[in-house]
Protein backbone atom coordinates (compact mmCIF):
# COMPACT_ATOMS: atom_id res chain seq x y z
CA UNK A 1 -0.24 34.69 28.58
CA UNK A 2 -2.54 32.02 29.61
CA UNK A 3 -6.59 32.74 27.33
CA UNK A 4 -9.14 30.80 29.43
CA UNK A 5 -10.57 28.15 26.80
CA UNK A 6 -13.98 30.03 27.01
CA UNK A 7 -12.59 32.87 25.12
CA UNK A 8 -10.20 30.35 23.19
CA UNK A 9 -13.36 28.83 21.17
CA UNK A 10 -13.51 32.79 20.10
CA UNK A 11 -10.56 33.46 18.70
CA UNK A 12 -9.79 33.93 14.95
CA UNK A 13 -7.23 31.68 12.91
CA UNK A 14 -4.24 33.59 13.70
CA UNK A 15 -5.51 35.07 17.47
CA UNK A 16 -5.12 31.30 18.04
CA UNK A 17 -1.09 31.72 15.68
CA UNK A 18 0.14 34.51 17.37
CA UNK A 19 -1.38 33.15 21.65
CA UNK A 20 0.34 29.64 20.58
CA UNK A 21 4.01 31.67 20.20
CA UNK A 22 3.62 33.67 22.93
CA UNK A 23 3.13 30.70 25.21
CA UNK A 24 5.89 28.75 23.57
CA UNK A 25 7.90 32.18 24.34
CA UNK A 26 7.37 31.81 28.10
CA UNK A 27 7.55 28.14 27.67
CA UNK A 28 11.20 27.64 26.76
CA UNK A 29 12.10 30.89 28.70
CA UNK A 30 10.69 29.74 31.94
CA UNK A 31 7.18 32.59 32.94
CA UNK A 32 5.15 30.17 33.04
CA UNK A 33 2.35 31.02 35.74
CA UNK A 34 -0.03 27.86 37.08
CA UNK A 35 -2.60 29.04 37.75
CA UNK A 36 -3.95 26.76 40.82
CA UNK A 37 -0.80 27.23 44.02
CA UNK A 38 2.06 23.87 43.93
CA UNK A 39 0.42 21.13 45.64
CA UNK A 40 4.46 20.99 47.51
CA UNK A 41 3.77 24.23 49.16
CA UNK A 42 2.34 22.98 51.77
CA UNK A 43 5.49 20.48 52.57
CA UNK A 44 8.29 21.62 54.63
CA UNK A 45 11.78 22.63 52.61
CA UNK A 46 13.73 19.11 53.56
CA UNK A 47 16.78 19.64 54.05
CA UNK A 48 19.34 17.34 51.74
CA UNK A 49 23.01 16.78 51.90
CA UNK A 50 24.69 18.15 48.57
CA UNK A 51 23.99 14.68 46.95
CA UNK A 52 20.52 13.89 47.19
CA UNK A 53 19.98 17.30 46.55
CA UNK A 54 21.86 17.15 42.62
CA UNK A 55 19.70 13.87 42.23
CA UNK A 56 16.04 15.59 42.74
CA UNK A 57 17.24 18.09 41.43
CA UNK A 58 18.07 16.05 38.35
CA UNK A 59 14.68 14.28 38.17
CA UNK A 60 12.89 17.77 39.00
CA UNK A 61 14.63 18.99 35.64
CA UNK A 62 13.55 15.66 33.73
CA UNK A 63 9.97 16.61 34.87
CA UNK A 64 10.50 20.39 34.26
CA UNK A 65 11.78 18.71 30.08
CA UNK A 66 8.14 16.47 30.43
CA UNK A 67 6.63 19.51 30.51
CA UNK A 68 8.24 21.74 27.84
CA UNK A 69 7.97 18.92 25.74
CA UNK A 70 3.72 18.53 27.18
CA UNK A 71 3.15 22.14 26.32
CA UNK A 72 4.33 22.11 22.77
CA UNK A 73 2.44 18.82 22.03
CA UNK A 74 -0.38 20.07 22.94
CA UNK A 75 -0.18 23.07 20.70
CA UNK A 76 0.74 21.36 17.95
CA UNK A 77 -1.47 18.99 17.57
CA UNK A 78 -4.71 21.85 19.14
CA UNK A 79 -3.05 24.41 16.30
CA UNK A 80 -3.98 21.90 13.92
CA UNK A 81 -7.13 19.84 15.13
CA UNK A 82 -10.04 19.62 12.62
CA UNK A 83 -12.70 20.02 15.69
CA UNK A 84 -13.42 22.42 17.61
CA UNK A 85 -14.51 20.49 20.32
CA UNK A 86 -10.83 18.46 20.08
CA UNK A 87 -8.78 21.48 19.74
CA UNK A 88 -11.23 22.45 23.41
CA UNK A 89 -10.38 19.64 25.02
CA UNK A 90 -6.77 19.81 24.49
CA UNK A 91 -6.63 23.86 25.21
CA UNK A 92 -7.21 22.38 28.34
CA UNK A 93 -5.86 19.96 28.80
CA UNK A 94 -2.59 22.38 28.07
CA UNK A 95 -3.71 24.76 30.96
CA UNK A 96 -3.06 22.38 33.30
CA UNK A 97 0.26 21.38 31.24
CA UNK A 98 1.44 24.71 32.11
CA UNK A 99 0.58 24.39 35.61
CA UNK A 100 2.87 21.49 36.04
CA UNK A 101 5.23 23.73 34.16
CA UNK A 102 5.00 25.97 36.88
CA UNK A 103 5.21 23.62 40.06
CA UNK A 104 8.61 22.03 38.37
CA UNK A 105 10.59 25.05 37.63
CA UNK A 106 9.58 26.44 41.17
CA UNK A 107 10.53 23.48 42.55
CA UNK A 108 14.49 23.67 40.19
CA UNK A 109 14.76 27.25 41.66
CA UNK A 110 14.25 25.88 45.40
CA UNK A 111 16.76 23.62 44.69
CA UNK A 112 19.10 26.13 43.60
CA UNK A 113 19.36 23.94 40.09
CA UNK A 114 18.25 24.89 36.06
CA UNK A 115 15.75 24.08 33.40
CA UNK A 116 17.44 22.00 30.49
CA UNK A 117 19.80 24.38 28.69
CA UNK A 118 18.20 22.54 25.37
CA UNK A 119 14.33 23.01 26.36
CA UNK A 120 13.72 25.61 23.37
CA UNK A 121 15.50 22.04 21.05
CA UNK A 122 12.12 20.49 23.13
CA UNK A 123 9.41 22.37 22.27
CA UNK A 124 10.15 21.99 18.04
CA UNK A 125 10.33 18.68 18.61
CA UNK A 126 7.87 18.55 20.41
CA UNK A 127 5.16 20.52 18.81
CA UNK A 128 6.64 18.93 14.96
CA UNK A 129 5.32 15.46 16.42
CA UNK A 130 2.07 16.98 18.05
CA UNK A 131 1.11 18.91 14.32
CA UNK A 132 2.21 15.39 12.92
CA UNK A 133 -0.61 13.76 14.82
CA UNK A 134 -2.79 15.86 14.30
CA UNK A 135 -2.65 15.97 11.13
CA UNK A 136 -2.99 12.28 11.20
CA UNK A 137 -7.22 12.97 11.86
CA UNK A 138 -8.47 13.21 15.16
CA UNK A 139 -9.86 10.20 17.19
CA UNK A 140 -5.06 9.68 16.27
CA UNK A 141 -4.77 12.29 17.59
CA UNK A 142 -6.66 12.46 20.74
CA UNK A 143 -4.51 8.62 21.00
CA UNK A 144 -1.49 10.08 21.06
CA UNK A 145 -3.01 11.17 23.90
CA UNK A 146 -3.55 9.12 25.88
CA UNK A 147 -0.11 6.57 24.73
CA UNK A 148 1.61 9.58 25.83
CA UNK A 149 0.05 10.03 28.90
CA UNK A 150 -0.01 6.79 29.84
CA UNK A 151 3.95 6.26 29.53
CA UNK A 152 4.11 9.60 31.41
CA UNK A 153 1.71 8.73 34.54
CA UNK A 154 4.24 5.68 34.35
CA UNK A 155 7.48 7.50 34.62
CA UNK A 156 5.35 9.71 37.38
CA UNK A 157 5.65 6.39 39.44
CA UNK A 158 9.01 5.46 38.99
CA UNK A 159 10.53 9.37 39.71
CA UNK A 160 7.60 9.34 42.72
CA UNK A 161 10.47 5.88 43.82
CA UNK A 162 13.57 7.59 42.66
CA UNK A 163 13.40 11.04 44.31
CA UNK A 164 14.85 10.92 48.20
CA UNK A 165 12.96 9.84 51.07
CA UNK A 166 13.14 12.96 53.15
CA UNK A 167 12.06 16.03 49.90
CA UNK A 168 8.06 15.63 50.41
CA UNK A 169 7.95 18.59 48.65
CA UNK A 170 8.93 17.53 45.32
CA UNK A 171 6.57 14.07 45.84
CA UNK A 172 3.44 16.08 46.48
CA UNK A 173 4.16 17.80 43.45
CA UNK A 174 4.74 14.47 40.51
CA UNK A 175 2.09 13.10 42.74
CA UNK A 176 -0.34 16.00 41.60
CA UNK A 177 0.89 15.99 38.27
CA UNK A 178 0.29 11.41 37.89
CA UNK A 179 -3.05 12.21 38.85
CA UNK A 180 -3.60 15.04 35.40
CA UNK A 181 -1.75 13.09 33.48
CA UNK A 182 -4.28 9.71 33.96
CA UNK A 183 -7.17 12.34 33.82
CA UNK A 184 -5.56 13.43 31.40
CA UNK A 185 -5.60 10.23 29.37
CA UNK A 186 -8.83 9.19 30.45
CA UNK A 187 -10.76 12.09 28.86
CA UNK A 188 -8.88 11.35 25.44
CA UNK A 189 -9.91 7.33 25.15
CA UNK A 190 -13.39 8.71 26.56
CA UNK A 191 -13.74 11.36 23.29
CA UNK A 192 -12.38 8.68 21.08
CA UNK A 193 -8.84 7.67 21.15
CA UNK A 194 -7.74 5.04 18.85
CA UNK A 195 -4.79 2.62 20.28
CA UNK A 196 -1.94 3.59 18.13
CA UNK A 197 -0.76 0.47 16.46
CA UNK A 198 2.08 -1.48 17.58
CA UNK A 199 5.42 -0.34 16.33
CA UNK A 200 4.90 3.40 18.26
CA UNK A 201 4.32 3.24 21.89
CA UNK A 202 7.69 1.05 21.47
CA UNK A 203 9.31 3.98 19.64
CA UNK A 204 8.07 6.70 22.31
CA UNK A 205 9.39 5.53 25.29
CA UNK A 206 12.40 4.80 23.24
CA UNK A 207 13.02 8.98 22.37
CA UNK A 208 11.70 9.67 25.88
CA UNK A 209 14.07 7.42 27.31
CA UNK A 210 17.23 9.38 25.26
CA UNK A 211 15.29 13.11 26.26
CA UNK A 212 15.36 12.01 29.99
CA UNK A 213 19.05 10.72 30.24
CA UNK A 214 20.26 14.20 28.52
CA UNK A 215 18.07 16.27 30.04
CA UNK A 216 18.94 15.02 33.57
CA UNK A 217 22.00 16.32 33.03
CA UNK A 218 21.89 19.18 31.26
C-alpha cells in the first residue's frame, strides 16, 4: 500500500504508523509495486551463460537489499522527523526507492534467483539507524541522506562496471536508480542537510561493505 505524499501529509500519527507497518511488510515480503515502469523493460532479455547469470543475480540481490535498507532508513527517519515538510520530503524519496525495490525484484525473478534471506534483519537494522538519525534533528537526518545517497551513487557506478557486458537490462535499471539517488542527495543538501562528522561516513562504508559481501551470496 503506497500512500501518495499529498495524502500522507493529512494522516494522523497512528495512520502513519500503520502505513509504515504495511510498507515494512510489503518490503520484506517482496510485494512492493512500482509506480513507474522498469527502465529494463525497454531492453531485450540477454543471453547469459550460467556463471554470468549467477554474477548478475548476485549484484542485483545486493542492490535489492540496498533498496530494502533504503526503504527502512527513510521510514525510520520520516517516523521521527520534527518538521512536516522534512517528513514529506523523506516520504517522497521513499516512494521512488519503492520503485527501485520493485525493479530489482523483477530483474531477480528474470534471472531465476531470489532476494536476500536476511531481508528482515536488514530492514530492522536500517529502520533503527534511520530513527536514530532523525532523533539527532532534521538537518542531521538530511545530512545522513546526503552521505548515504552519495555512497549509493558510487556503489551503483561500481556495479555498472562489474555487470556482464551483455546485460543491458540490469544496466538500464541501475543507471535510472543512480540518477534518482543523486537527485535525492541534491535535494536533501538543498534542504539544509549538514555534513556528517568525519568518522561516520567511514563507518557507514564499512557497514555497507559487510552487507554487500553477505547479500551477494545470501
